[in-house]
Amino acid sequence: MLTELRKKDLEKQGYRIVGNHSAIKVCYWNKKCIRDKGVCYKNTFYGIESHRCVQMTPAFVCSQRCVWCWRDIDFTSAKWDGPIDEPKDIVEGCIEAHKKYIQGFKSGGDEKLFNEAMNPKHFAISLSGEPTFYPRLPELIKEIKVRDMTAFLVTNGTNPDMIKKLLDEQPTQLYITLPAPDEKEYIKACSPLIKDGWSKILESLSLLNKFDRNVIRLTLVKGVNMNNIEEYAKLIKKYNPMFVEVKAYVWVGHSKERLEIKNMPIHEEIIEFANKLAELSRYNVIDEKKESRVVLLSNKNKEIKKALSFS
């Protein structure tokens, strides 16, 4: 799946390759939390312990080349090519690679938090590529959950056939990214490598409410997809997710080669967009995380926050 040259490039970026087609990368907030210097928005919104989270991917293939992606999309392919690793090997390999990576934080971190971090409790399947392309994804989810761990899965929604298979083996929380307000903007922003990408996203969104916990995520880029808020609201009202995350694009990684810093919204702009979206879609703004430039909407009342805990 990955050439040696590509592996070396990913290693330089902080990835650790697991098997033939998977990887982990220790995120900024995991490192911060081990030092007791803050938590990520998943902790703030849902109770996920940032220092006990493994950020990973089981696939580097992807069906889109989104302009805001921080990865090197020149290597992107929508076709699986190569062996298919065992789910158990992927989970064990990711945990071991993650634990090995964070060893360097033992001396500079909080002792209690570091010891807890060495016993991860959460998988964020959102690192790179499109995870639903991994043919044995339901088994991977099951392998994570039988270890008494939670699993958040982020998908671009272009593989509804796999979304259907996950109904019988659900992740703890399913995210579907809504990348644009309509098909024309979608094609412009995401340069899909497959036919009928937009219709497949809509098909996946139609399945969203069959999952116990579900989210529509908007990654907003000024001058690209941060427009036509009325159409976003129509889609949210139609598919009625439990949560909506309104998140700012961040000017990092390879996206800096395609976009400018002025394309990155400030938090106040995200708040303004979220408030208008909530009004139009009849949702409630229930939380925000300024450091991550993200606002959380829900179709439930604010009391739902008290019920959110995966610690």
C-alpha atoms as a PDB file:
ATOM      1  CA  MET A   1       0.000   0.000   0.000  1.00  0.00           C
ATOM      2  CA  LEU A   2       2.876   2.395   0.804  1.00  0.00           C
ATOM      3  CA  THR A   3       6.221   2.735  -0.945  1.00  0.00           C
ATOM      4  CA  GLU A   4       9.355   2.987   1.165  1.00  0.00           C
ATOM      5  CA  LEU A   5       9.788   6.612   0.060  1.00  0.00           C
ATOM      6  CA  ARG A   6       6.234   7.418   1.142  1.00  0.00           C
ATOM      7  CA  LYS A   7       6.762   5.681   4.495  1.00  0.00           C
ATOM      8  CA  LYS A   8       9.888   7.736   5.166  1.00  0.00           C
ATOM      9  CA  ASP A   9       8.018  10.944   4.336  1.00  0.00           C
ATOM     10  CA  LEU A  10       5.199  10.016   6.735  1.00  0.00           C
ATOM     11  CA  GLU A  11       7.671   9.100   9.491  1.00  0.00           C
ATOM     12  CA  LYS A  12       9.215  12.571   9.194  1.00  0.00           C
ATOM     13  CA  GLN A  13       5.733  14.029   9.712  1.00  0.00           C
ATOM     14  CA  GLY A  14       5.310  12.091  12.957  1.00  0.00           C
ATOM     15  CA  TYR A  15       3.365   9.092  11.662  1.00  0.00           C
ATOM     16  CA  ARG A  16       4.233   5.594  12.807  1.00  0.00           C
ATOM     17  CA  ILE A  17       3.347   2.956  10.233  1.00  0.00           C
ATOM     18  CA  VAL A  18       1.557  -0.163  11.478  1.00  0.00           C
ATOM     19  CA  GLY A  19       1.509  -3.209   9.219  1.00  0.00           C
ATOM     20  CA  ASN A  20       0.834  -2.686   5.527  1.00  0.00           C
ATOM     21  CA  HIS A  21      -1.745   0.108   5.508  1.00  0.00           C
ATOM     22  CA  SER A  22      -2.366   1.550   8.981  1.00  0.00           C
ATOM     23  CA  ALA A  23      -0.722   4.249  11.093  1.00  0.00           C
ATOM     24  CA  ILE A  24      -0.879   6.276  14.283  1.00  0.00           C
ATOM     25  CA  LYS A  25       0.144   9.831  14.982  1.00  0.00           C
ATOM     26  CA  VAL A  26       0.183  11.300  18.468  1.00  0.00           C
ATOM     27  CA  CYS A  27      -1.867  14.473  18.324  1.00  0.00           C
ATOM     28  CA  TYR A  28      -1.132  17.895  19.792  1.00  0.00           C
ATOM     29  CA  TRP A  29      -3.771  17.567  22.508  1.00  0.00           C
ATOM     30  CA  ASN A  30      -2.623  14.127  23.608  1.00  0.00           C
ATOM     31  CA  LYS A  31       0.811  15.591  24.311  1.00  0.00           C
ATOM     32  CA  LYS A  32      -0.670  18.665  26.021  1.00  0.00           C
ATOM     33  CA  CYS A  33      -2.929  16.579  28.227  1.00  0.00           C
ATOM     34  CA  ILE A  34      -0.133  14.265  29.408  1.00  0.00           C
ATOM     35  CA  ARG A  35       1.589  17.444  30.632  1.00  0.00           C
ATOM     36  CA  ASP A  36      -1.696  18.549  32.260  1.00  0.00           C
ATOM     37  CA  LYS A  37      -1.829  21.639  30.041  1.00  0.00           C
ATOM     38  CA  GLY A  38      -5.260  21.255  28.461  1.00  0.00           C
ATOM     39  CA  VAL A  39      -7.646  18.902  26.699  1.00  0.00           C
ATOM     40  CA  CYS A  40      -9.096  18.591  23.212  1.00  0.00           C
ATOM     41  CA  TYR A  41     -12.647  19.427  22.202  1.00  0.00           C
ATOM     42  CA  LYS A  42     -13.652  15.731  22.293  1.00  0.00           C
ATOM     43  CA  ASN A  43     -12.917  15.824  26.009  1.00  0.00           C
ATOM     44  CA  THR A  44     -14.831  19.080  26.473  1.00  0.00           C
ATOM     45  CA  PHE A  45     -17.821  17.988  24.373  1.00  0.00           C
ATOM     46  CA  TYR A  46     -18.085  14.254  25.001  1.00  0.00           C
ATOM     47  CA  GLY A  47     -15.883  13.263  27.936  1.00  0.00           C
ATOM     48  CA  ILE A  48     -13.158  11.498  25.941  1.00  0.00           C
ATOM     49  CA  GLU A  49      -9.889  11.560  27.919  1.00  0.00           C
ATOM     50  CA  SER A  50      -7.388  13.272  25.635  1.00  0.00           C
ATOM     51  CA  HIS A  51      -4.329  11.646  27.196  1.00  0.00           C
ATOM     52  CA  ARG A  52      -5.771   8.144  26.648  1.00  0.00           C
ATOM     53  CA  CYS A  53      -6.652   8.576  22.971  1.00  0.00           C
ATOM     54  CA  VAL A  54      -5.002   6.770  20.037  1.00  0.00           C
ATOM     55  CA  GLN A  55      -5.323   8.715  16.780  1.00  0.00           C
ATOM     56  CA  MET A  56      -5.082   6.277  13.879  1.00  0.00           C
ATOM     57  CA  THR A  57      -6.116   5.233  10.401  1.00  0.00           C
ATOM     58  CA  PRO A  58      -6.563   1.764   8.866  1.00  0.00           C
ATOM     59  CA  ALA A  59      -6.289   3.119   5.306  1.00  0.00           C
ATOM     60  CA  PHE A  60      -4.348   5.718   3.337  1.00  0.00           C
ATOM     61  CA  VAL A  61      -6.574   5.528   0.264  1.00  0.00           C
ATOM     62  CA  CYS A  62      -9.211   8.238  -0.129  1.00  0.00           C
ATOM     63  CA  SER A  63     -11.980   9.089  -2.577  1.00  0.00           C
ATOM     64  CA  GLN A  64     -11.402  12.853  -2.412  1.00  0.00           C
ATOM     65  CA  ARG A  65      -8.662  15.444  -2.648  1.00  0.00           C
ATOM     66  CA  CYS A  66     -10.127  18.150  -0.438  1.00  0.00           C
ATOM     67  CA  VAL A  67      -8.352  21.468  -0.795  1.00  0.00           C
ATOM     68  CA  TRP A  68      -8.201  21.916   3.013  1.00  0.00           C
ATOM     69  CA  CYS A  69      -6.645  18.506   3.723  1.00  0.00           C
ATOM     70  CA  TRP A  70      -3.376  18.808   5.663  1.00  0.00           C
ATOM     71  CA  ARG A  71      -2.095  15.606   4.022  1.00  0.00           C
ATOM     72  CA  ASP A  72      -0.152  15.320   0.776  1.00  0.00           C
ATOM     73  CA  ILE A  73      -3.059  14.616  -1.579  1.00  0.00           C
ATOM     74  CA  ASP A  74      -0.748  14.080  -4.558  1.00  0.00           C
ATOM     75  CA  PHE A  75      -0.451  10.479  -3.340  1.00  0.00           C
ATOM     76  CA  THR A  76      -4.203  10.003  -2.922  1.00  0.00           C
ATOM     77  CA  SER A  77      -5.830   7.062  -4.663  1.00  0.00           C
ATOM     78  CA  ALA A  78      -9.383   5.745  -4.400  1.00  0.00           C
ATOM     79  CA  LYS A  79      -8.362   2.168  -5.152  1.00  0.00           C
ATOM     80  CA  TRP A  80      -7.310  -0.407  -2.565  1.00  0.00           C
ATOM     81  CA  ASP A  81      -4.171  -2.157  -3.733  1.00  0.00           C
ATOM     82  CA  GLY A  82      -2.328  -4.721  -1.647  1.00  0.00           C
ATOM     83  CA  PRO A  83      -2.815  -6.989   1.361  1.00  0.00           C
ATOM     84  CA  ILE A  84      -5.523  -6.600   3.998  1.00  0.00           C
ATOM     85  CA  ASP A  85      -4.213  -6.795   7.562  1.00  0.00           C
ATOM     86  CA  GLU A  86      -6.040  -8.548  10.402  1.00  0.00           C
ATOM     87  CA  PRO A  87      -8.125  -6.219  12.620  1.00  0.00           C
ATOM     88  CA  LYS A  88      -6.521  -7.631  15.778  1.00  0.00           C
ATOM     89  CA  ASP A  89      -3.037  -6.978  14.420  1.00  0.00           C
ATOM     90  CA  ILE A  90      -3.989  -3.398  13.544  1.00  0.00           C
ATOM     91  CA  VAL A  91      -5.413  -2.631  17.003  1.00  0.00           C
ATOM     92  CA  GLU A  92      -2.496  -4.223  18.870  1.00  0.00           C
ATOM     93  CA  GLY A  93       0.040  -2.605  16.535  1.00  0.00           C
ATOM     94  CA  CYS A  94      -1.498   0.841  16.920  1.00  0.00           C
ATOM     95  CA  ILE A  95      -1.589   0.610  20.709  1.00  0.00           C
ATOM     96  CA  GLU A  96       2.028  -0.508  20.891  1.00  0.00           C
ATOM     97  CA  ALA A  97       3.213   2.143  18.410  1.00  0.00           C
ATOM     98  CA  HIS A  98       1.337   4.831  20.333  1.00  0.00           C
ATOM     99  CA  LYS A  99       2.753   3.734  23.707  1.00  0.00           C
ATOM    100  CA  LYS A 100       6.267   3.601  22.300  1.00  0.00           C
ATOM    101  CA  TYR A 101       5.910   7.124  20.883  1.00  0.00           C
ATOM    102  CA  ILE A 102       4.719   8.723  24.125  1.00  0.00           C
ATOM    103  CA  GLN A 103       7.553   7.222  26.206  1.00  0.00           C
ATOM    104  CA  GLY A 104       9.390  10.494  25.646  1.00  0.00           C
ATOM    105  CA  PHE A 105       6.789  12.320  27.729  1.00  0.00           C
ATOM    106  CA  LYS A 106       7.429  10.277  30.875  1.00  0.00           C
ATOM    107  CA  SER A 107       9.968  12.713  32.305  1.00  0.00           C
ATOM    108  CA  GLY A 108       8.227  15.940  31.323  1.00  0.00           C
ATOM    109  CA  GLY A 109       4.641  14.914  31.937  1.00  0.00           C
ATOM    110  CA  ASP A 110       2.326  14.488  34.892  1.00  0.00           C
ATOM    111  CA  GLU A 111       3.140  11.074  36.396  1.00  0.00           C
ATOM    112  CA  LYS A 112      -0.474  10.050  36.986  1.00  0.00           C
ATOM    113  CA  LEU A 113      -1.621  11.188  33.536  1.00  0.00           C
ATOM    114  CA  PHE A 114       1.338   9.500  31.864  1.00  0.00           C
ATOM    115  CA  ASN A 115       0.605   6.192  33.599  1.00  0.00           C
ATOM    116  CA  GLU A 116      -3.022   6.434  32.500  1.00  0.00           C
ATOM    117  CA  ALA A 117      -1.927   7.318  28.957  1.00  0.00           C
ATOM    118  CA  MET A 118      -0.046   4.029  28.818  1.00  0.00           C
ATOM    119  CA  ASN A 119      -3.439   2.334  29.081  1.00  0.00           C
ATOM    120  CA  PRO A 120      -5.364   3.900  26.149  1.00  0.00           C
ATOM    121  CA  LYS A 121      -9.159   3.849  26.295  1.00  0.00           C
ATOM    122  CA  HIS A 122     -10.165   5.473  23.010  1.00  0.00           C
ATOM    123  CA  PHE A 123      -9.507   5.131  19.273  1.00  0.00           C
ATOM    124  CA  ALA A 124     -10.012   8.203  17.081  1.00  0.00           C
ATOM    125  CA  ILE A 125     -10.268   6.669  13.607  1.00  0.00           C
ATOM    126  CA  SER A 126      -9.692   9.926  11.804  1.00  0.00           C
ATOM    127  CA  LEU A 127      -6.023  10.385  11.064  1.00  0.00           C
ATOM    128  CA  SER A 128      -5.634  10.091   7.299  1.00  0.00           C
ATOM    129  CA  GLY A 129      -7.319   8.617   4.251  1.00  0.00           C
ATOM    130  CA  GLU A 130     -10.878   7.281   4.237  1.00  0.00           C
ATOM    131  CA  PRO A 131     -11.246   4.537   6.887  1.00  0.00           C
ATOM    132  CA  THR A 132     -14.382   2.989   5.349  1.00  0.00           C
ATOM    133  CA  PHE A 133     -12.211   1.733   2.500  1.00  0.00           C
ATOM    134  CA  TYR A 134     -10.639  -0.780   4.872  1.00  0.00           C
ATOM    135  CA  PRO A 135     -12.649  -3.908   3.941  1.00  0.00           C
ATOM    136  CA  ARG A 136     -12.794  -5.321   7.494  1.00  0.00           C
ATOM    137  CA  LEU A 137     -13.803  -2.151   9.311  1.00  0.00           C
ATOM    138  CA  PRO A 138     -16.735  -3.689  11.264  1.00  0.00           C
ATOM    139  CA  GLU A 139     -14.352  -6.299  12.675  1.00  0.00           C
ATOM    140  CA  LEU A 140     -11.888  -3.536  13.577  1.00  0.00           C
ATOM    141  CA  ILE A 141     -14.613  -1.662  15.486  1.00  0.00           C
ATOM    142  CA  LYS A 142     -15.548  -4.863  17.295  1.00  0.00           C
ATOM    143  CA  GLU A 143     -11.909  -5.546  18.190  1.00  0.00           C
ATOM    144  CA  ILE A 144     -11.621  -2.085  19.747  1.00  0.00           C
ATOM    145  CA  LYS A 145     -14.864  -2.351  21.712  1.00  0.00           C
ATOM    146  CA  VAL A 146     -14.190  -5.836  23.130  1.00  0.00           C
ATOM    147  CA  ARG A 147     -11.146  -4.272  24.800  1.00  0.00           C
ATOM    148  CA  ASP A 148     -13.516  -1.935  26.663  1.00  0.00           C
ATOM    149  CA  MET A 149     -12.401   0.998  24.518  1.00  0.00           C
ATOM    150  CA  THR A 150     -14.477   3.597  22.701  1.00  0.00           C
ATOM    151  CA  ALA A 151     -14.176   4.301  18.977  1.00  0.00           C
ATOM    152  CA  PHE A 152     -15.053   7.515  17.149  1.00  0.00           C
ATOM    153  CA  LEU A 153     -15.144   7.031  13.375  1.00  0.00           C
ATOM    154  CA  VAL A 154     -14.862   9.979  10.982  1.00  0.00           C
ATOM    155  CA  THR A 155     -15.866   9.337   7.372  1.00  0.00           C
ATOM    156  CA  ASN A 156     -16.346  11.471   4.281  1.00  0.00           C
ATOM    157  CA  GLY A 157     -19.504   9.494   3.529  1.00  0.00           C
ATOM    158  CA  THR A 158     -18.575   8.411   0.017  1.00  0.00           C
ATOM    159  CA  ASN A 159     -18.768   4.695   0.842  1.00  0.00           C
ATOM    160  CA  PRO A 160     -22.378   4.137   1.983  1.00  0.00           C
ATOM    161  CA  ASP A 161     -22.080   0.370   1.465  1.00  0.00           C
ATOM    162  CA  MET A 162     -19.628   0.190   4.372  1.00  0.00           C
ATOM    163  CA  ILE A 163     -21.790   2.552   6.448  1.00  0.00           C
ATOM    164  CA  LYS A 164     -24.601   0.004   6.065  1.00  0.00           C
ATOM    165  CA  LYS A 165     -22.313  -2.809   7.231  1.00  0.00           C
ATOM    166  CA  LEU A 166     -21.447  -0.810  10.344  1.00  0.00           C
ATOM    167  CA  LEU A 167     -25.076  -0.760  11.467  1.00  0.00           C
ATOM    168  CA  ASP A 168     -24.546  -4.188  13.031  1.00  0.00           C
ATOM    169  CA  GLU A 169     -21.196  -3.223  14.592  1.00  0.00           C
ATOM    170  CA  GLN A 170     -21.521   0.445  15.418  1.00  0.00           C
ATOM    171  CA  PRO A 171     -18.678   2.722  16.449  1.00  0.00           C
ATOM    172  CA  THR A 172     -19.260   4.576  19.704  1.00  0.00           C
ATOM    173  CA  GLN A 173     -19.862   7.703  17.642  1.00  0.00           C
ATOM    174  CA  LEU A 174     -20.088   8.151  13.882  1.00  0.00           C
ATOM    175  CA  TYR A 175     -19.072  11.390  12.201  1.00  0.00           C
ATOM    176  CA  ILE A 176     -19.950  12.192   8.597  1.00  0.00           C
ATOM    177  CA  THR A 177     -18.284  15.234   7.096  1.00  0.00           C
ATOM    178  CA  LEU A 178     -20.576  17.528   5.114  1.00  0.00           C
ATOM    179  CA  PRO A 179     -17.959  19.259   2.951  1.00  0.00           C
ATOM    180  CA  ALA A 180     -20.139  21.707   1.043  1.00  0.00           C
ATOM    181  CA  PRO A 181     -23.686  23.055   0.846  1.00  0.00           C
ATOM    182  CA  ASP A 182     -24.375  21.585  -2.612  1.00  0.00           C
ATOM    183  CA  GLU A 183     -22.915  19.386  -5.332  1.00  0.00           C
ATOM    184  CA  LYS A 184     -21.346  22.202  -7.359  1.00  0.00           C
ATOM    185  CA  GLU A 185     -19.396  23.487  -4.358  1.00  0.00           C
ATOM    186  CA  TYR A 186     -18.523  19.910  -3.375  1.00  0.00           C
ATOM    187  CA  ILE A 187     -16.870  19.136  -6.698  1.00  0.00           C
ATOM    188  CA  LYS A 188     -14.957  22.395  -6.588  1.00  0.00           C
ATOM    189  CA  ALA A 189     -13.728  21.922  -3.024  1.00  0.00           C
ATOM    190  CA  CYS A 190     -13.118  18.166  -2.865  1.00  0.00           C
ATOM    191  CA  SER A 191     -12.071  17.135  -6.398  1.00  0.00           C
ATOM    192  CA  PRO A 192     -13.657  13.669  -5.964  1.00  0.00           C
ATOM    193  CA  LEU A 193     -11.867  10.706  -7.520  1.00  0.00           C
ATOM    194  CA  ILE A 194     -15.093   8.705  -7.811  1.00  0.00           C
ATOM    195  CA  LYS A 195     -18.339   9.138  -9.678  1.00  0.00           C
ATOM    196  CA  ASP A 196     -21.474  10.295  -7.876  1.00  0.00           C
ATOM    197  CA  GLY A 197     -19.564  11.331  -4.749  1.00  0.00           C
ATOM    198  CA  TRP A 198     -22.228  13.824  -3.702  1.00  0.00           C
ATOM    199  CA  SER A 199     -25.112  11.376  -4.072  1.00  0.00           C
ATOM    200  CA  LYS A 200     -23.137   8.825  -2.038  1.00  0.00           C
ATOM    201  CA  ILE A 201     -22.614  11.368   0.735  1.00  0.00           C
ATOM    202  CA  LEU A 202     -26.351  12.047   0.809  1.00  0.00           C
ATOM    203  CA  GLU A 203     -27.048   8.306   0.941  1.00  0.00           C
ATOM    204  CA  SER A 204     -24.698   7.964   3.912  1.00  0.00           C
ATOM    205  CA  LEU A 205     -26.376  10.916   5.623  1.00  0.00           C
ATOM    206  CA  SER A 206     -29.727   9.173   5.217  1.00  0.00           C
ATOM    207  CA  LEU A 207     -28.341   6.334   7.375  1.00  0.00           C
ATOM    208  CA  LEU A 208     -26.985   8.622  10.082  1.00  0.00           C
ATOM    209  CA  ASN A 209     -29.940   8.416  12.454  1.00  0.00           C
ATOM    210  CA  LYS A 210     -29.724   4.635  12.535  1.00  0.00           C
ATOM    211  CA  PHE A 211     -26.554   5.022  14.599  1.00  0.00           C
ATOM    212  CA  ASP A 212     -26.904   5.474  18.356  1.00  0.00           C
ATOM    213  CA  ARG A 213     -24.564   8.475  18.422  1.00  0.00           C
ATOM    214  CA  ASN A 214     -24.077  10.518  15.280  1.00  0.00           C
ATOM    215  CA  VAL A 215     -22.549  13.796  14.154  1.00  0.00           C
ATOM    216  CA  ILE A 216     -22.442  15.952  11.042  1.00  0.00           C
ATOM    217  CA  ARG A 217     -19.171  17.846  10.885  1.00  0.00           C
ATOM    218  CA  LEU A 218     -18.583  21.030   8.911  1.00  0.00           C
ATOM    219  CA  THR A 219     -14.959  21.994   8.275  1.00  0.00           C
ATOM    220  CA  LEU A 220     -15.310  25.582   7.128  1.00  0.00           C
ATOM    221  CA  VAL A 221     -12.841  27.374   4.866  1.00  0.00           C
ATOM    222  CA  LYS A 222     -13.265  31.050   4.086  1.00  0.00           C
ATOM    223  CA  GLY A 223     -13.587  31.617   0.357  1.00  0.00           C
ATOM    224  CA  VAL A 224     -14.187  27.912  -0.288  1.00  0.00           C
ATOM    225  CA  ASN A 225     -17.194  26.383   1.500  1.00  0.00           C
ATOM    226  CA  MET A 226     -18.115  28.912   4.190  1.00  0.00           C
ATOM    227  CA  ASN A 227     -21.125  30.172   2.291  1.00  0.00           C
ATOM    228  CA  ASN A 228     -24.740  29.368   1.411  1.00  0.00           C
ATOM    229  CA  ILE A 229     -25.616  28.711   5.032  1.00  0.00           C
ATOM    230  CA  GLU A 230     -29.278  28.234   4.126  1.00  0.00           C
ATOM    231  CA  GLU A 231     -28.447  25.084   2.147  1.00  0.00           C
ATOM    232  CA  TYR A 232     -26.376  23.684   5.005  1.00  0.00           C
ATOM    233  CA  ALA A 233     -29.352  24.289   7.294  1.00  0.00           C
ATOM    234  CA  LYS A 234     -31.718  22.475   4.925  1.00  0.00           C
ATOM    235  CA  LEU A 235     -29.468  19.414   4.898  1.00  0.00           C
ATOM    236  CA  ILE A 236     -29.121  19.399   8.669  1.00  0.00           C
ATOM    237  CA  LYS A 237     -32.889  19.673   9.127  1.00  0.00           C
ATOM    238  CA  LYS A 238     -33.409  16.860   6.627  1.00  0.00           C
ATOM    239  CA  TYR A 239     -30.926  14.389   8.121  1.00  0.00           C
ATOM    240  CA  ASN A 240     -31.423  15.513  11.735  1.00  0.00           C
ATOM    241  CA  PRO A 241     -28.142  14.420  13.372  1.00  0.00           C
ATOM    242  CA  MET A 242     -27.764  14.232  17.138  1.00  0.00           C
ATOM    243  CA  PHE A 243     -24.900  16.736  16.965  1.00  0.00           C
ATOM    244  CA  VAL A 244     -23.405  19.206  14.500  1.00  0.00           C
ATOM    245  CA  GLU A 245     -19.797  20.318  14.864  1.00  0.00           C
ATOM    246  CA  VAL A 246     -18.988  23.629  13.192  1.00  0.00           C
ATOM    247  CA  LYS A 247     -15.212  23.684  12.968  1.00  0.00           C
ATOM    248  CA  ALA A 248     -12.683  26.034  11.410  1.00  0.00           C
ATOM    249  CA  TYR A 249     -10.161  24.875   8.842  1.00  0.00           C
ATOM    250  CA  VAL A 250      -6.652  25.188  10.265  1.00  0.00           C
ATOM    251  CA  TRP A 251      -3.807  26.392   8.061  1.00  0.00           C
ATOM    252  CA  VAL A 252      -1.356  23.537   8.642  1.00  0.00           C
ATOM    253  CA  GLY A 253       0.518  20.813   6.780  1.00  0.00           C
ATOM    254  CA  HIS A 254       0.229  20.438   3.032  1.00  0.00           C
ATOM    255  CA  SER A 255      -2.907  22.608   2.937  1.00  0.00           C
ATOM    256  CA  LYS A 256      -0.566  25.604   3.210  1.00  0.00           C
ATOM    257  CA  GLU A 257       0.544  24.810  -0.353  1.00  0.00           C
ATOM    258  CA  ARG A 258      -3.049  25.230  -1.618  1.00  0.00           C
ATOM    259  CA  LEU A 259      -4.576  27.858   0.627  1.00  0.00           C
ATOM    260  CA  GLU A 260      -3.575  31.053   2.409  1.00  0.00           C
ATOM    261  CA  ILE A 261      -3.773  31.914   6.091  1.00  0.00           C
ATOM    262  CA  LYS A 262      -6.655  34.274   5.304  1.00  0.00           C
ATOM    263  CA  ASN A 263      -8.747  31.173   4.437  1.00  0.00           C
ATOM    264  CA  MET A 264      -8.667  30.128   8.110  1.00  0.00           C
ATOM    265  CA  PRO A 265     -11.688  31.461  10.042  1.00  0.00           C
ATOM    266  CA  ILE A 266     -11.186  32.990  13.467  1.00  0.00           C
ATOM    267  CA  HIS A 267     -13.275  31.639  16.327  1.00  0.00           C
ATOM    268  CA  GLU A 268     -15.620  34.635  16.341  1.00  0.00           C
ATOM    269  CA  GLU A 269     -16.499  33.912  12.708  1.00  0.00           C
ATOM    270  CA  ILE A 270     -17.207  30.278  13.579  1.00  0.00           C
ATOM    271  CA  ILE A 271     -19.473  31.405  16.435  1.00  0.00           C
ATOM    272  CA  GLU A 272     -21.351  33.748  14.114  1.00  0.00           C
ATOM    273  CA  PHE A 273     -21.797  31.008  11.497  1.00  0.00           C
ATOM    274  CA  ALA A 274     -22.859  28.462  14.132  1.00  0.00           C
ATOM    275  CA  ASN A 275     -25.418  30.776  15.684  1.00  0.00           C
ATOM    276  CA  LYS A 276     -26.996  31.511  12.308  1.00  0.00           C
ATOM    277  CA  LEU A 277     -26.960  27.820  11.393  1.00  0.00           C
ATOM    278  CA  ALA A 278     -28.596  26.930  14.708  1.00  0.00           C
ATOM    279  CA  GLU A 279     -31.312  29.508  14.107  1.00  0.00           C
ATOM    280  CA  LEU A 280     -32.047  28.273  10.576  1.00  0.00           C
ATOM    281  CA  SER A 281     -31.945  24.565  11.447  1.00  0.00           C
ATOM    282  CA  ARG A 282     -33.663  24.927  14.840  1.00  0.00           C
ATOM    283  CA  TYR A 283     -30.721  23.486  16.761  1.00  0.00           C
ATOM    284  CA  ASN A 284     -29.173  24.682  20.016  1.00  0.00           C
ATOM    285  CA  VAL A 285     -25.615  25.868  20.525  1.00  0.00           C
ATOM    286  CA  ILE A 286     -24.561  23.821  23.558  1.00  0.00           C
ATOM    287  CA  ASP A 287     -20.778  24.239  23.780  1.00  0.00           C
ATOM    288  CA  GLU A 288     -17.638  25.652  22.190  1.00  0.00           C
ATOM    289  CA  LYS A 289     -13.871  25.190  22.341  1.00  0.00           C
ATOM    290  CA  LYS A 290     -12.100  28.402  21.444  1.00  0.00           C
ATOM    291  CA  GLU A 291      -8.634  26.849  21.195  1.00  0.00           C
ATOM    292  CA  SER A 292      -9.902  24.436  18.523  1.00  0.00           C
ATOM    293  CA  ARG A 293     -12.216  26.982  16.854  1.00  0.00           C
ATOM    294  CA  VAL A 294     -15.197  24.662  17.084  1.00  0.00           C
ATOM    295  CA  VAL A 295     -18.808  25.051  18.194  1.00  0.00           C
ATOM    296  CA  LEU A 296     -21.165  22.205  19.113  1.00  0.00           C
ATOM    297  CA  LEU A 297     -24.843  22.205  18.140  1.00  0.00           C
ATOM    298  CA  SER A 298     -27.482  19.701  19.170  1.00  0.00           C
ATOM    299  CA  ASN A 299     -31.153  19.063  18.526  1.00  0.00           C
ATOM    300  CA  LYS A 300     -31.438  18.137  22.190  1.00  0.00           C
ATOM    301  CA  ASN A 301     -31.528  20.564  25.103  1.00  0.00           C
ATOM    302  CA  LYS A 302     -28.455  21.554  27.050  1.00  0.00           C
ATOM    303  CA  GLU A 303     -29.096  18.886  29.664  1.00  0.00           C
ATOM    304  CA  ILE A 304     -27.589  16.338  27.259  1.00  0.00           C
ATOM    305  CA  LYS A 305     -24.157  17.584  28.313  1.00  0.00           C
ATOM    306  CA  LYS A 306     -24.622  15.986  31.711  1.00  0.00           C
ATOM    307  CA  ALA A 307     -25.087  12.581  30.118  1.00  0.00           C
ATOM    308  CA  LEU A 308     -21.910  12.715  28.030  1.00  0.00           C
ATOM    309  CA  SER A 309     -19.026  10.799  29.555  1.00  0.00           C
ATOM    310  CA  PHE A 310     -16.759   8.086  28.233  1.00  0.00           C
ATOM    311  CA  SER A 311     -14.094   8.301  30.932  1.00  0.00           C
END
